[in-house]
Amino acid sequence: MTEVELVVTALASGAPAGVTDTARGVVHDLRAALGEMTRGRPAGVGVRGGYGVRVLDAYKTDPDVWRTRLLQVLASGMEMDEELLDAARAVLRADCRAEHITVGMAGS
């Protein structure tokens, strides 16, 4: 998985149905922070600007349709620094933990 794919996957993550509100809230909050971090990058290294922001917003509502375009927007000029990558990893770790909670609850 490339760095851009890591960020895009994290932006699309969400706690599955059946997890506690707390676990779902953690994933949501981390994902929202990543989205703001992505959106707030200076022009030329982020999605700030008309088209990039529209793609990021559209991706939140329909990731399947907008994934390729968001990958293109991020790959065309976004600097993938450690702060951004760490935020994406935190989202995916929290999402993974939430999924394990669901599986554990279902199996008990």
N, C-alpha and C. Protein backbone atom coordinates (compact mmCIF):
# COMPACT_ATOMS: atom_id res chain seq x y z
N MET A 1 0.85 -1.17 0.00
CA MET A 1 0.00 0.00 0.00
C MET A 1 0.90 1.24 0.00
N THR A 2 0.64 2.14 -0.91
CA THR A 2 1.42 3.37 -0.97
C THR A 2 0.99 4.31 0.16
N GLU A 3 1.77 5.36 0.37
CA GLU A 3 1.42 6.33 1.40
C GLU A 3 0.10 7.01 1.10
N VAL A 4 -0.14 7.33 -0.16
CA VAL A 4 -1.40 7.96 -0.56
C VAL A 4 -2.56 7.01 -0.32
N GLU A 5 -2.39 5.75 -0.66
CA GLU A 5 -3.46 4.76 -0.42
C GLU A 5 -3.74 4.61 1.07
N LEU A 6 -2.70 4.69 1.89
CA LEU A 6 -2.87 4.61 3.34
C LEU A 6 -3.78 5.73 3.83
N VAL A 7 -3.52 6.94 3.38
CA VAL A 7 -4.32 8.09 3.80
C VAL A 7 -5.75 7.96 3.29
N VAL A 8 -5.93 7.59 2.05
CA VAL A 8 -7.27 7.45 1.47
C VAL A 8 -8.06 6.35 2.19
N THR A 9 -7.42 5.24 2.48
CA THR A 9 -8.09 4.15 3.20
C THR A 9 -8.51 4.61 4.59
N ALA A 10 -7.65 5.33 5.26
CA ALA A 10 -7.99 5.84 6.59
C ALA A 10 -9.15 6.82 6.54
N LEU A 11 -9.18 7.66 5.51
CA LEU A 11 -10.27 8.63 5.37
C LEU A 11 -11.62 7.93 5.15
N ALA A 12 -11.60 6.73 4.59
CA ALA A 12 -12.84 5.99 4.32
C ALA A 12 -13.25 5.07 5.45
N SER A 13 -12.39 4.90 6.44
CA SER A 13 -12.68 3.94 7.49
C SER A 13 -13.83 4.41 8.36
N GLY A 14 -14.41 3.45 9.01
CA GLY A 14 -15.48 3.76 9.95
C GLY A 14 -15.77 2.53 10.77
N ALA A 15 -16.06 2.73 12.04
CA ALA A 15 -16.33 1.60 12.92
C ALA A 15 -17.57 0.86 12.44
N PRO A 16 -17.51 -0.46 12.40
CA PRO A 16 -18.65 -1.24 11.93
C PRO A 16 -19.83 -1.18 12.89
N ALA A 17 -20.98 -1.54 12.38
CA ALA A 17 -22.17 -1.60 13.23
C ALA A 17 -21.93 -2.64 14.32
N GLY A 18 -22.49 -2.39 15.48
CA GLY A 18 -22.38 -3.35 16.57
C GLY A 18 -21.30 -3.03 17.58
N VAL A 19 -20.50 -2.01 17.33
CA VAL A 19 -19.49 -1.62 18.31
C VAL A 19 -20.07 -0.57 19.24
N THR A 20 -19.42 -0.37 20.35
CA THR A 20 -19.91 0.60 21.31
C THR A 20 -19.83 2.01 20.72
N ASP A 21 -20.64 2.88 21.28
CA ASP A 21 -20.60 4.28 20.83
C ASP A 21 -19.23 4.89 21.09
N THR A 22 -18.58 4.46 22.17
CA THR A 22 -17.26 4.98 22.49
C THR A 22 -16.26 4.61 21.40
N ALA A 23 -16.23 3.33 21.01
CA ALA A 23 -15.30 2.88 19.97
C ALA A 23 -15.60 3.58 18.65
N ARG A 24 -16.87 3.69 18.31
CA ARG A 24 -17.27 4.35 17.07
C ARG A 24 -16.85 5.83 17.12
N GLY A 25 -17.02 6.46 18.28
CA GLY A 25 -16.65 7.86 18.44
C GLY A 25 -15.16 8.10 18.27
N VAL A 26 -14.35 7.18 18.80
CA VAL A 26 -12.90 7.31 18.67
C VAL A 26 -12.49 7.26 17.21
N VAL A 27 -13.01 6.30 16.47
CA VAL A 27 -12.69 6.18 15.04
C VAL A 27 -13.15 7.43 14.30
N HIS A 28 -14.35 7.87 14.58
CA HIS A 28 -14.89 9.06 13.92
C HIS A 28 -14.03 10.29 14.21
N ASP A 29 -13.66 10.48 15.47
CA ASP A 29 -12.86 11.66 15.84
C ASP A 29 -11.49 11.64 15.18
N LEU A 30 -10.85 10.47 15.17
CA LEU A 30 -9.54 10.37 14.53
C LEU A 30 -9.63 10.62 13.03
N ARG A 31 -10.67 10.06 12.41
CA ARG A 31 -10.86 10.25 10.97
C ARG A 31 -11.15 11.72 10.65
N ALA A 32 -11.95 12.38 11.49
CA ALA A 32 -12.25 13.80 11.28
C ALA A 32 -10.98 14.64 11.39
N ALA A 33 -10.14 14.32 12.37
CA ALA A 33 -8.88 15.05 12.53
C ALA A 33 -7.97 14.84 11.31
N LEU A 34 -7.91 13.62 10.80
CA LEU A 34 -7.12 13.35 9.60
C LEU A 34 -7.66 14.13 8.41
N GLY A 35 -8.98 14.18 8.27
CA GLY A 35 -9.59 14.94 7.18
C GLY A 35 -9.25 16.42 7.25
N GLU A 36 -9.30 16.98 8.45
CA GLU A 36 -8.96 18.39 8.61
C GLU A 36 -7.48 18.63 8.35
N MET A 37 -6.65 17.69 8.79
CA MET A 37 -5.21 17.81 8.54
C MET A 37 -4.94 17.78 7.03
N THR A 38 -5.63 16.89 6.34
CA THR A 38 -5.47 16.77 4.89
C THR A 38 -5.97 18.03 4.18
N ARG A 39 -7.12 18.49 4.61
CA ARG A 39 -7.73 19.67 4.00
C ARG A 39 -6.91 20.93 4.27
N GLY A 40 -6.28 21.01 5.43
CA GLY A 40 -5.61 22.23 5.83
C GLY A 40 -4.20 22.40 5.34
N ARG A 41 -3.71 21.46 4.56
CA ARG A 41 -2.35 21.61 4.03
C ARG A 41 -2.29 22.80 3.09
N PRO A 42 -1.16 23.49 3.06
CA PRO A 42 -1.04 24.64 2.16
C PRO A 42 -1.25 24.24 0.70
N ALA A 43 -1.67 25.20 -0.08
CA ALA A 43 -1.87 24.95 -1.51
C ALA A 43 -0.60 24.37 -2.11
N GLY A 44 -0.76 23.38 -2.94
CA GLY A 44 0.39 22.75 -3.57
C GLY A 44 0.85 21.50 -2.85
N VAL A 45 0.50 21.36 -1.56
CA VAL A 45 0.90 20.15 -0.83
C VAL A 45 -0.30 19.52 -0.13
N GLY A 46 -1.48 19.92 -0.48
CA GLY A 46 -2.68 19.37 0.13
C GLY A 46 -3.86 19.50 -0.80
N VAL A 47 -5.04 19.43 -0.23
CA VAL A 47 -6.23 19.51 -1.06
C VAL A 47 -6.90 20.87 -0.98
N ARG A 48 -6.26 21.84 -0.33
CA ARG A 48 -6.85 23.17 -0.26
C ARG A 48 -7.02 23.71 -1.67
N GLY A 49 -8.16 24.25 -1.92
CA GLY A 49 -8.46 24.74 -3.25
C GLY A 49 -9.73 24.07 -3.75
N GLY A 50 -10.34 24.65 -4.73
CA GLY A 50 -11.65 24.23 -5.21
C GLY A 50 -11.82 22.76 -5.48
N TYR A 51 -11.14 22.24 -6.47
CA TYR A 51 -11.38 20.86 -6.90
C TYR A 51 -11.00 19.86 -5.82
N GLY A 52 -9.84 20.02 -5.21
CA GLY A 52 -9.39 19.08 -4.19
C GLY A 52 -10.33 19.00 -3.01
N VAL A 53 -10.83 20.12 -2.55
CA VAL A 53 -11.77 20.14 -1.43
C VAL A 53 -13.09 19.48 -1.82
N ARG A 54 -13.56 19.75 -3.03
CA ARG A 54 -14.81 19.11 -3.49
C ARG A 54 -14.66 17.60 -3.56
N VAL A 55 -13.51 17.13 -4.03
CA VAL A 55 -13.28 15.67 -4.12
C VAL A 55 -13.22 15.08 -2.71
N LEU A 56 -12.52 15.74 -1.80
CA LEU A 56 -12.43 15.25 -0.42
C LEU A 56 -13.82 15.19 0.22
N ASP A 57 -14.63 16.20 0.03
CA ASP A 57 -15.99 16.21 0.59
C ASP A 57 -16.86 15.14 -0.05
N ALA A 58 -16.75 14.98 -1.36
CA ALA A 58 -17.53 13.96 -2.05
C ALA A 58 -17.11 12.56 -1.63
N TYR A 59 -15.82 12.39 -1.37
CA TYR A 59 -15.31 11.09 -0.95
C TYR A 59 -15.92 10.65 0.37
N LYS A 60 -16.17 11.61 1.26
CA LYS A 60 -16.78 11.28 2.55
C LYS A 60 -18.18 10.70 2.36
N THR A 61 -18.90 11.16 1.35
CA THR A 61 -20.26 10.70 1.15
C THR A 61 -20.35 9.43 0.31
N ASP A 62 -19.38 9.21 -0.59
CA ASP A 62 -19.41 8.02 -1.44
C ASP A 62 -18.00 7.59 -1.82
N PRO A 63 -17.30 6.92 -0.89
CA PRO A 63 -15.90 6.54 -1.13
C PRO A 63 -15.69 5.66 -2.36
N ASP A 64 -16.62 4.80 -2.65
CA ASP A 64 -16.44 3.90 -3.79
C ASP A 64 -16.34 4.67 -5.11
N VAL A 65 -17.15 5.69 -5.26
CA VAL A 65 -17.19 6.46 -6.50
C VAL A 65 -16.00 7.42 -6.60
N TRP A 66 -15.59 8.01 -5.49
CA TRP A 66 -14.61 9.08 -5.51
C TRP A 66 -13.19 8.64 -5.16
N ARG A 67 -12.96 7.37 -4.87
CA ARG A 67 -11.64 6.90 -4.44
C ARG A 67 -10.54 7.20 -5.46
N THR A 68 -10.77 6.88 -6.71
CA THR A 68 -9.75 7.10 -7.74
C THR A 68 -9.41 8.58 -7.88
N ARG A 69 -10.42 9.42 -7.86
CA ARG A 69 -10.16 10.86 -7.99
C ARG A 69 -9.40 11.39 -6.78
N LEU A 70 -9.74 10.92 -5.57
CA LEU A 70 -9.02 11.38 -4.39
C LEU A 70 -7.57 10.90 -4.42
N LEU A 71 -7.35 9.68 -4.86
CA LEU A 71 -5.98 9.18 -5.01
C LEU A 71 -5.19 10.08 -5.97
N GLN A 72 -5.83 10.48 -7.07
CA GLN A 72 -5.16 11.35 -8.04
C GLN A 72 -4.86 12.72 -7.44
N VAL A 73 -5.81 13.29 -6.71
CA VAL A 73 -5.62 14.61 -6.11
C VAL A 73 -4.47 14.56 -5.10
N LEU A 74 -4.47 13.56 -4.24
CA LEU A 74 -3.42 13.48 -3.22
C LEU A 74 -2.07 13.15 -3.82
N ALA A 75 -2.05 12.29 -4.83
CA ALA A 75 -0.78 11.90 -5.45
C ALA A 75 -0.18 13.03 -6.28
N SER A 76 -1.02 13.95 -6.72
CA SER A 76 -0.53 15.00 -7.62
C SER A 76 0.15 16.16 -6.90
N GLY A 77 0.12 16.18 -5.60
CA GLY A 77 0.79 17.32 -4.98
C GLY A 77 0.79 17.32 -3.48
N MET A 78 0.38 16.25 -2.85
CA MET A 78 0.34 16.26 -1.40
C MET A 78 1.60 15.65 -0.83
N GLU A 79 2.22 16.38 0.04
CA GLU A 79 3.42 15.88 0.70
C GLU A 79 3.01 14.94 1.82
N MET A 80 3.47 13.73 1.77
CA MET A 80 3.13 12.73 2.78
C MET A 80 4.19 12.75 3.88
N ASP A 81 4.00 13.63 4.86
CA ASP A 81 4.97 13.71 5.95
C ASP A 81 4.58 12.74 7.07
N GLU A 82 5.45 12.59 8.04
CA GLU A 82 5.22 11.62 9.12
C GLU A 82 4.00 11.97 9.96
N GLU A 83 3.72 13.25 10.14
CA GLU A 83 2.55 13.65 10.94
C GLU A 83 1.26 13.14 10.28
N LEU A 84 1.15 13.32 8.99
CA LEU A 84 -0.03 12.88 8.26
C LEU A 84 -0.12 11.35 8.25
N LEU A 85 0.99 10.68 8.00
CA LEU A 85 1.00 9.21 7.97
C LEU A 85 0.71 8.63 9.34
N ASP A 86 1.23 9.24 10.39
CA ASP A 86 0.93 8.76 11.75
C ASP A 86 -0.55 8.91 12.07
N ALA A 87 -1.16 10.00 11.62
CA ALA A 87 -2.59 10.21 11.84
C ALA A 87 -3.40 9.14 11.09
N ALA A 88 -3.01 8.83 9.87
CA ALA A 88 -3.71 7.79 9.09
C ALA A 88 -3.56 6.43 9.77
N ARG A 89 -2.37 6.13 10.24
CA ARG A 89 -2.15 4.85 10.93
C ARG A 89 -2.99 4.76 12.21
N ALA A 90 -3.11 5.87 12.93
CA ALA A 90 -3.91 5.88 14.17
C ALA A 90 -5.38 5.58 13.87
N VAL A 91 -5.89 6.13 12.77
CA VAL A 91 -7.27 5.86 12.37
C VAL A 91 -7.45 4.38 12.08
N LEU A 92 -6.53 3.80 11.32
CA LEU A 92 -6.66 2.40 10.93
C LEU A 92 -6.49 1.48 12.14
N ARG A 93 -5.61 1.83 13.08
CA ARG A 93 -5.46 1.02 14.30
C ARG A 93 -6.74 1.04 15.12
N ALA A 94 -7.33 2.23 15.28
CA ALA A 94 -8.57 2.36 16.05
C ALA A 94 -9.70 1.60 15.37
N ASP A 95 -9.76 1.68 14.05
CA ASP A 95 -10.78 0.96 13.30
C ASP A 95 -10.61 -0.54 13.46
N CYS A 96 -9.38 -0.99 13.41
CA CYS A 96 -9.09 -2.43 13.57
C CYS A 96 -9.50 -2.89 14.97
N ARG A 97 -9.18 -2.11 15.99
CA ARG A 97 -9.57 -2.46 17.36
C ARG A 97 -11.08 -2.53 17.48
N ALA A 98 -11.79 -1.60 16.87
CA ALA A 98 -13.25 -1.60 16.93
C ALA A 98 -13.81 -2.85 16.27
N GLU A 99 -13.20 -3.28 15.17
CA GLU A 99 -13.65 -4.51 14.51
C GLU A 99 -13.40 -5.72 15.39
N HIS A 100 -12.27 -5.75 16.11
CA HIS A 100 -11.99 -6.87 17.01
C HIS A 100 -12.99 -6.90 18.16
N ILE A 101 -13.41 -5.74 18.63
CA ILE A 101 -14.42 -5.69 19.69
C ILE A 101 -15.72 -6.29 19.19
N THR A 102 -16.10 -5.96 17.95
CA THR A 102 -17.32 -6.50 17.37
C THR A 102 -17.25 -8.01 17.27
N VAL A 103 -16.14 -8.53 16.76
CA VAL A 103 -15.97 -9.97 16.60
C VAL A 103 -16.00 -10.64 17.96
N GLY A 104 -15.33 -10.05 18.93
CA GLY A 104 -15.31 -10.61 20.28
C GLY A 104 -16.68 -10.65 20.91
N MET A 105 -17.46 -9.61 20.69
CA MET A 105 -18.82 -9.55 21.25
C MET A 105 -19.71 -10.56 20.56
N ALA A 106 -19.55 -10.73 19.27
CA ALA A 106 -20.39 -11.65 18.52
C ALA A 106 -20.08 -13.10 18.90
N GLY A 107 -18.83 -13.38 19.20
CA GLY A 107 -18.45 -14.74 19.53
C GLY A 107 -18.71 -15.14 20.97
N SER A 108 -19.08 -14.18 21.82
CA SER A 108 -19.28 -14.52 23.22
C SER A 108 -20.69 -14.93 23.54
